[in-house]
Amino acid sequence: MNTARTVPFARFLPRAVRHDHRVSNDVDMLVRAARVAGGVHRLVDDLAADLTVVEPQTPMSEVEVLFRSPHVACLGVRRDDDHVGLLTRSRFADAQTGRLGFGRAVLTRRPIAEVADFAPLVVDSGTGIVEAATRAMERRGSARYDDVVVRGSTWASVATGDLVLSLVASLTTRSLHDPLTRLPGRELVLHTLRSWSTMLAGSSRRLVLLVADVDDFGALNATHGPVAADDFLVRLAGRLKAALPSGALVGRTGSDELMAVVMVAGATPEQFEQHVAQLRREVDHALAPQRGDDRPVRLVVASDLGATHADALVTQALARMHALKRRERVPA
């Protein structure tokens, strides 16, 4: 028979901390954040592991043998064809030590049905992770971090800890990526720029930073609506990525701003400047309006020939963009 492979979240915590209000509050806040943010679309079936289901009359002496495997976090206990109870490792340990009114000497002769929980949290395999985590956190007391039973073509279980970790991973991804364009956000772009700058220090390779800013993006939004504005940004991001060499990083760093980091192979200063000029021409061409509702795009380029580190490169590029906008406001 198959055995469950998951480990309850609470097992990673000391027993004294397991029911600490601060831990519960932190997890509650995480679940609420995931519900507000949206975009966490994975299902519990993606995380669930097969659940070993035993008959209710199975003696606890046999159950003890099953729990000797570190891969068995819980067992299902058949109630009927449509329902199962749950016996977690922690509940089994409590029964062994007498916390549930038994003791090991008496317990070995008892059937598993006498100590199993026949009212566990059960969700369908198509349930979203956010919903499952929300329902898990609504439980009270020692059962809060018990595994969740998953009903599908076969019985399965998912550790509450795995639900929480999945939410953390999803929210981290969302916080570092723009949900519209799927591009890295500002923090990830700047982090990558700094990492590359450190990595290339002392080498012959150079970095080029390009900043693209949509001219009067608000007018597009006001005239054609937010759907058209979003569509333009997605198309613009795709055109910018296509115009850059393989390995370049493109991110959305503002509501109407895109930033790209390009690593250029070793070359003389003259060859490097020629490469940058060619790169600018290609990107300018890619960002030029292609449809009637497209907006013009400003483009500035900065290179580490004129900056000693990543932050200076960003400062240089943004200063050039600011100067470009200021010149545009001056009447001819």
Protein backbone atom coordinates (compact mmCIF):
# COMPACT_ATOMS: atom_id res chain seq x y z
CA MET A 1 0.00 0.00 0.00
CA ASN A 2 1.07 3.61 -0.53
CA THR A 3 2.07 5.75 2.41
CA ALA A 4 1.71 9.49 2.98
CA ARG A 5 4.92 11.40 2.43
CA THR A 6 4.07 14.75 4.01
CA VAL A 7 5.10 16.04 7.43
CA PRO A 8 2.78 18.24 9.54
CA PHE A 9 3.86 21.87 9.84
CA ALA A 10 3.59 21.72 13.63
CA ARG A 11 6.28 19.06 13.82
CA PHE A 12 8.84 21.68 12.83
CA LEU A 13 7.91 23.70 15.94
CA PRO A 14 8.67 23.00 19.60
CA ARG A 15 5.53 21.87 21.46
CA ALA A 16 5.61 24.99 23.63
CA VAL A 17 5.68 27.20 20.56
CA ARG A 18 3.24 25.15 18.53
CA HIS A 19 0.20 26.85 20.07
CA ASP A 20 1.83 30.24 20.61
CA HIS A 21 -0.55 33.03 19.58
CA ARG A 22 2.26 34.79 17.72
CA VAL A 23 2.76 31.79 15.42
CA SER A 24 -0.98 31.53 14.81
CA ASN A 25 -1.26 35.25 14.13
CA ASP A 26 1.62 35.17 11.65
CA VAL A 27 0.04 32.32 9.71
CA ASP A 28 -3.38 34.01 9.83
CA MET A 29 -1.85 37.17 8.38
CA LEU A 30 -0.18 35.15 5.62
CA VAL A 31 -3.46 33.49 4.65
CA ARG A 32 -5.31 36.83 4.66
CA ALA A 33 -2.59 38.38 2.50
CA ALA A 34 -2.91 35.56 -0.02
CA ARG A 35 -6.69 36.02 -0.19
CA VAL A 36 -6.33 39.77 -0.76
CA ALA A 37 -3.51 39.44 -3.32
CA GLY A 38 -5.20 36.74 -5.37
CA GLY A 39 -3.32 34.99 -8.14
CA VAL A 40 -2.47 31.92 -6.04
CA HIS A 41 -4.13 29.40 -8.32
CA ARG A 42 -2.56 26.08 -7.33
CA LEU A 43 -4.79 23.29 -6.08
CA VAL A 44 -4.35 21.08 -3.03
CA ASP A 45 -4.07 18.14 -5.41
CA ASP A 46 -0.70 19.58 -6.51
CA LEU A 47 0.64 19.08 -2.98
CA ALA A 48 -1.29 16.06 -1.75
CA ALA A 49 0.31 12.67 -1.07
CA ASP A 50 -1.37 9.28 -1.04
CA LEU A 51 -3.01 8.50 2.29
CA THR A 52 -2.76 4.99 3.70
CA VAL A 53 -6.26 3.98 4.81
CA VAL A 54 -6.70 1.18 7.34
CA GLU A 55 -9.80 -0.55 8.67
CA PRO A 56 -11.27 0.78 11.95
CA GLN A 57 -10.73 -2.51 13.78
CA THR A 58 -6.97 -2.50 13.05
CA PRO A 59 -5.20 -2.98 16.42
CA MET A 60 -2.96 -0.16 17.61
CA SER A 61 -0.03 -2.56 17.80
CA GLU A 62 -0.10 -2.73 13.99
CA VAL A 63 -0.50 1.04 13.76
CA GLU A 64 2.62 1.49 15.86
CA VAL A 65 4.56 -0.52 13.29
CA LEU A 66 3.30 1.72 10.47
CA PHE A 67 4.32 4.88 12.34
CA ARG A 68 7.87 3.61 12.69
CA SER A 69 8.38 4.76 9.12
CA PRO A 70 9.43 8.43 9.07
CA HIS A 71 7.47 8.82 5.83
CA VAL A 72 4.11 8.12 7.48
CA ALA A 73 2.78 11.37 8.91
CA CYS A 74 -0.82 10.23 9.31
CA LEU A 75 -3.20 7.39 8.58
CA GLY A 76 -6.72 7.36 7.26
CA VAL A 77 -9.27 5.24 9.12
CA ARG A 78 -12.16 3.98 7.04
CA ARG A 79 -15.60 4.85 8.38
CA ASP A 80 -17.49 3.92 5.23
CA ASP A 81 -16.91 4.13 1.49
CA ASP A 82 -17.34 7.93 1.48
CA HIS A 83 -15.76 8.96 4.78
CA VAL A 84 -12.48 8.46 6.58
CA GLY A 85 -11.16 9.48 9.95
CA LEU A 86 -7.60 10.62 10.60
CA LEU A 87 -4.92 9.56 13.01
CA THR A 88 -1.92 11.88 13.00
CA ARG A 89 1.46 10.99 14.40
CA SER A 90 1.04 13.58 17.18
CA ARG A 91 -2.41 12.23 18.14
CA PHE A 92 -0.97 8.72 18.21
CA ALA A 93 1.86 9.91 20.49
CA ASP A 94 -0.66 11.58 22.81
CA ALA A 95 -2.60 8.33 23.02
CA GLN A 96 0.59 6.38 23.76
CA THR A 97 1.47 8.68 26.66
CA GLY A 98 -2.01 8.55 28.16
CA ARG A 99 -3.16 12.06 27.21
CA LEU A 100 -6.25 10.62 25.53
CA GLY A 101 -7.20 8.44 28.49
CA PHE A 102 -5.23 5.39 27.42
CA GLY A 103 -1.73 4.18 28.01
CA ARG A 104 0.59 2.11 25.94
CA ALA A 105 -0.11 -1.14 27.79
CA VAL A 106 -3.86 -0.78 27.30
CA LEU A 107 -3.67 0.86 23.91
CA THR A 108 -1.92 -1.95 22.07
CA ARG A 109 -5.06 -4.08 22.38
CA ARG A 110 -7.45 -1.32 21.28
CA PRO A 111 -8.65 -0.75 17.70
CA ILE A 112 -7.51 2.37 15.90
CA ALA A 113 -11.12 3.61 15.72
CA GLU A 114 -11.04 4.43 19.45
CA VAL A 115 -8.36 7.11 19.06
CA ALA A 116 -8.87 8.35 15.50
CA ASP A 117 -10.42 11.73 14.74
CA PHE A 118 -13.56 11.09 12.71
CA ALA A 119 -14.19 14.78 12.08
CA PRO A 120 -11.01 15.86 10.27
CA LEU A 121 -10.90 18.70 7.79
CA VAL A 122 -11.71 17.20 4.37
CA VAL A 123 -11.44 19.12 1.09
CA ASP A 124 -11.93 18.08 -2.51
CA SER A 125 -8.86 17.63 -4.71
CA GLY A 126 -9.90 20.64 -6.81
CA THR A 127 -9.90 23.01 -3.82
CA GLY A 128 -7.57 25.98 -4.13
CA ILE A 129 -4.62 26.23 -1.78
CA VAL A 130 -5.78 29.57 -0.37
CA GLU A 131 -9.22 28.19 0.49
CA ALA A 132 -7.73 25.05 2.03
CA ALA A 133 -5.26 27.07 4.10
CA THR A 134 -8.04 29.41 5.22
CA ARG A 135 -10.18 26.50 6.41
CA ALA A 136 -7.18 24.92 8.11
CA MET A 137 -6.45 28.12 10.02
CA GLU A 138 -10.08 28.33 11.14
CA ARG A 139 -9.54 25.20 13.22
CA ARG A 140 -8.85 25.67 16.89
CA GLY A 141 -6.67 24.00 19.45
CA SER A 142 -4.24 21.19 18.83
CA ALA A 143 -5.94 20.18 15.56
CA ARG A 144 -5.06 23.43 13.84
CA TYR A 145 -1.88 22.10 12.27
CA ASP A 146 -3.16 18.58 11.59
CA ASP A 147 -2.94 17.29 8.04
CA VAL A 148 -5.87 17.99 5.74
CA VAL A 149 -7.63 15.02 4.15
CA VAL A 150 -8.07 15.34 0.37
CA ARG A 151 -10.99 13.62 -1.31
CA GLY A 152 -10.41 12.50 -4.90
CA SER A 153 -10.37 9.29 -6.90
CA THR A 154 -8.33 7.97 -3.96
CA TRP A 155 -7.81 9.39 -0.49
CA ALA A 156 -4.84 11.67 0.02
CA SER A 157 -3.55 14.14 2.58
CA VAL A 158 -1.69 17.42 2.56
CA ALA A 159 0.30 18.87 5.44
CA THR A 160 -0.88 22.26 6.67
CA GLY A 161 2.78 23.27 6.67
CA ASP A 162 2.99 22.53 2.95
CA LEU A 163 -0.08 24.73 2.35
CA VAL A 164 1.58 27.57 4.25
CA LEU A 165 4.92 27.16 2.46
CA SER A 166 3.12 27.16 -0.90
CA LEU A 167 1.43 30.44 0.02
CA VAL A 168 4.79 31.92 0.99
CA ALA A 169 6.32 30.87 -2.35
CA SER A 170 3.36 32.23 -4.33
CA LEU A 171 3.32 35.57 -2.52
CA THR A 172 7.09 35.90 -2.87
CA THR A 173 6.81 35.35 -6.61
CA ARG A 174 3.98 37.89 -6.85
CA SER A 175 5.90 40.46 -4.82
CA LEU A 176 8.92 40.17 -7.13
CA HIS A 177 7.03 40.02 -10.44
CA ASP A 178 4.53 42.31 -12.12
CA PRO A 179 1.23 40.39 -12.42
CA LEU A 180 0.27 42.11 -15.69
CA THR A 181 3.39 41.64 -17.80
CA ARG A 182 4.82 38.71 -15.80
CA LEU A 183 8.11 40.58 -15.81
CA PRO A 184 10.36 41.00 -12.78
CA GLY A 185 9.45 44.00 -10.65
CA ARG A 186 11.67 46.86 -9.58
CA GLU A 187 13.19 45.15 -6.54
CA LEU A 188 14.20 42.07 -8.52
CA VAL A 189 15.63 44.13 -11.39
CA LEU A 190 17.75 46.24 -9.03
CA HIS A 191 18.85 43.17 -7.08
CA THR A 192 19.91 41.45 -10.32
CA LEU A 193 21.71 44.56 -11.54
CA ARG A 194 23.70 44.76 -8.30
CA SER A 195 24.49 41.04 -8.42
CA TRP A 196 25.71 41.22 -12.01
CA SER A 197 27.74 44.34 -11.27
CA THR A 198 29.51 42.57 -8.39
CA MET A 199 30.03 39.43 -10.46
CA LEU A 200 31.59 41.33 -13.37
CA ALA A 201 33.88 43.50 -11.24
CA GLY A 202 37.40 43.25 -12.63
CA SER A 203 36.32 41.47 -15.80
CA SER A 204 36.20 42.77 -19.37
CA ARG A 205 32.41 42.46 -19.54
CA ARG A 206 30.22 45.53 -19.22
CA LEU A 207 26.64 46.30 -18.25
CA VAL A 208 24.17 48.42 -20.16
CA LEU A 209 21.01 49.73 -18.53
CA LEU A 210 18.07 50.84 -20.67
CA VAL A 211 15.06 52.70 -19.27
CA ALA A 212 11.91 53.05 -21.37
CA ASP A 213 9.17 55.46 -20.29
CA VAL A 214 5.77 55.72 -21.99
CA ASP A 215 4.91 59.28 -22.96
CA ASP A 216 1.61 60.44 -21.40
CA PHE A 217 0.46 56.95 -20.50
CA GLY A 218 -2.45 58.47 -18.60
CA ALA A 219 -3.89 59.81 -21.86
CA LEU A 220 -4.02 56.30 -23.31
CA ASN A 221 -5.74 55.05 -20.19
CA ALA A 222 -8.25 57.91 -20.21
CA THR A 223 -9.00 57.77 -23.95
CA HIS A 224 -9.09 54.04 -24.65
CA GLY A 225 -9.61 52.57 -21.19
CA PRO A 226 -7.52 50.46 -18.82
CA VAL A 227 -7.85 47.28 -20.90
CA ALA A 228 -6.26 48.96 -23.92
CA ALA A 229 -3.59 50.51 -21.71
CA ASP A 230 -2.74 47.15 -20.16
CA ASP A 231 -2.65 45.52 -23.60
CA PHE A 232 -0.22 48.18 -24.82
CA LEU A 233 2.12 47.60 -21.86
CA VAL A 234 2.11 43.84 -22.44
CA ARG A 235 2.86 44.29 -26.15
CA LEU A 236 5.54 46.87 -25.39
CA ALA A 237 7.24 44.54 -22.91
CA GLY A 238 7.22 41.74 -25.47
CA ARG A 239 8.73 43.97 -28.16
CA LEU A 240 11.46 45.15 -25.80
CA LYS A 241 12.39 41.58 -24.83
CA ALA A 242 12.48 40.51 -28.48
CA ALA A 243 14.84 43.37 -29.38
CA LEU A 244 17.42 42.48 -26.74
CA PRO A 245 20.10 39.79 -26.87
CA SER A 246 19.55 36.46 -25.16
CA GLY A 247 20.19 36.60 -21.43
CA ALA A 248 19.09 40.21 -20.97
CA LEU A 249 16.77 40.98 -18.07
CA VAL A 250 13.64 43.05 -18.69
CA GLY A 251 11.43 44.26 -15.85
CA ARG A 252 8.54 46.59 -15.16
CA THR A 253 9.84 49.13 -12.68
CA GLY A 254 6.98 51.63 -12.70
CA SER A 255 3.42 52.05 -13.91
CA ASP A 256 4.69 53.27 -17.29
CA GLU A 257 8.38 52.36 -17.02
CA LEU A 258 10.36 49.35 -18.22
CA MET A 259 13.99 48.68 -17.42
CA ALA A 260 16.41 46.31 -19.13
CA VAL A 261 19.86 45.11 -18.09
CA VAL A 262 22.18 43.79 -20.80
CA MET A 263 25.55 42.13 -20.30
CA VAL A 264 28.03 42.89 -23.08
CA ALA A 265 31.06 40.69 -23.80
CA GLY A 266 34.56 42.08 -23.51
CA ALA A 267 35.48 44.77 -26.02
CA THR A 268 37.55 47.90 -26.31
CA PRO A 269 35.84 51.11 -25.17
CA GLU A 270 35.30 52.09 -28.82
CA GLN A 271 33.77 48.72 -29.70
CA PHE A 272 31.61 48.86 -26.60
CA GLU A 273 30.24 52.29 -27.50
CA GLN A 274 29.47 51.06 -31.02
CA HIS A 275 27.66 48.06 -29.57
CA VAL A 276 25.62 50.30 -27.26
CA ALA A 277 24.71 52.60 -30.15
CA GLN A 278 23.56 49.65 -32.25
CA LEU A 279 21.58 48.26 -29.33
CA ARG A 280 19.86 51.59 -28.87
CA ARG A 281 18.88 51.80 -32.54
CA GLU A 282 17.35 48.33 -32.43
CA VAL A 283 15.41 49.04 -29.24
CA ASP A 284 14.24 52.44 -30.52
CA HIS A 285 12.89 50.71 -33.62
CA ALA A 286 11.16 48.02 -31.55
CA LEU A 287 9.48 50.55 -29.27
CA ALA A 288 8.26 52.87 -32.03
CA PRO A 289 4.42 53.12 -32.26
CA GLN A 290 3.00 50.31 -34.40
CA ARG A 291 -0.73 50.98 -34.00
CA GLY A 292 -2.88 54.05 -33.89
CA ASP A 293 -3.42 53.88 -30.14
CA ASP A 294 0.25 53.23 -29.29
CA ARG A 295 2.02 55.93 -27.30
CA PRO A 296 5.54 57.18 -28.04
CA VAL A 297 8.22 55.81 -25.73
CA ARG A 298 11.22 57.67 -24.36
CA LEU A 299 14.44 55.69 -24.13
CA VAL A 300 17.65 56.42 -22.27
CA VAL A 301 20.75 54.26 -22.06
CA ALA A 302 23.48 54.19 -19.42
CA SER A 303 26.58 52.03 -19.32
CA ASP A 304 29.09 51.13 -16.65
CA LEU A 305 31.78 52.92 -18.60
CA GLY A 306 30.33 56.01 -16.98
CA ALA A 307 29.39 54.50 -13.61
CA THR A 308 31.45 52.62 -11.08
CA HIS A 309 28.68 50.47 -9.58
CA ALA A 310 25.06 49.45 -10.05
CA ASP A 311 23.41 52.21 -8.02
CA ALA A 312 25.40 54.84 -9.89
CA LEU A 313 24.27 53.27 -13.17
CA VAL A 314 20.62 53.59 -12.13
CA THR A 315 21.17 57.17 -10.96
CA GLN A 316 22.80 58.00 -14.29
CA ALA A 317 19.93 56.52 -16.31
CA LEU A 318 17.18 58.18 -14.27
CA ALA A 319 18.97 61.53 -14.40
CA ARG A 320 19.08 61.28 -18.19
CA MET A 321 15.38 60.44 -18.29
CA HIS A 322 14.58 63.40 -16.04
CA ALA A 323 16.64 65.71 -18.24
CA LEU A 324 14.90 64.38 -21.36
CA LYS A 325 11.46 65.08 -19.89
CA ARG A 326 12.55 68.53 -18.77
CA ARG A 327 13.73 69.41 -22.28
CA GLU A 328 10.40 68.27 -23.72
CA ARG A 329 8.56 70.71 -21.45
CA VAL A 330 10.61 73.69 -22.61
CA PRO A 331 8.77 75.55 -25.44
CA ALA A 332 10.61 75.60 -28.75
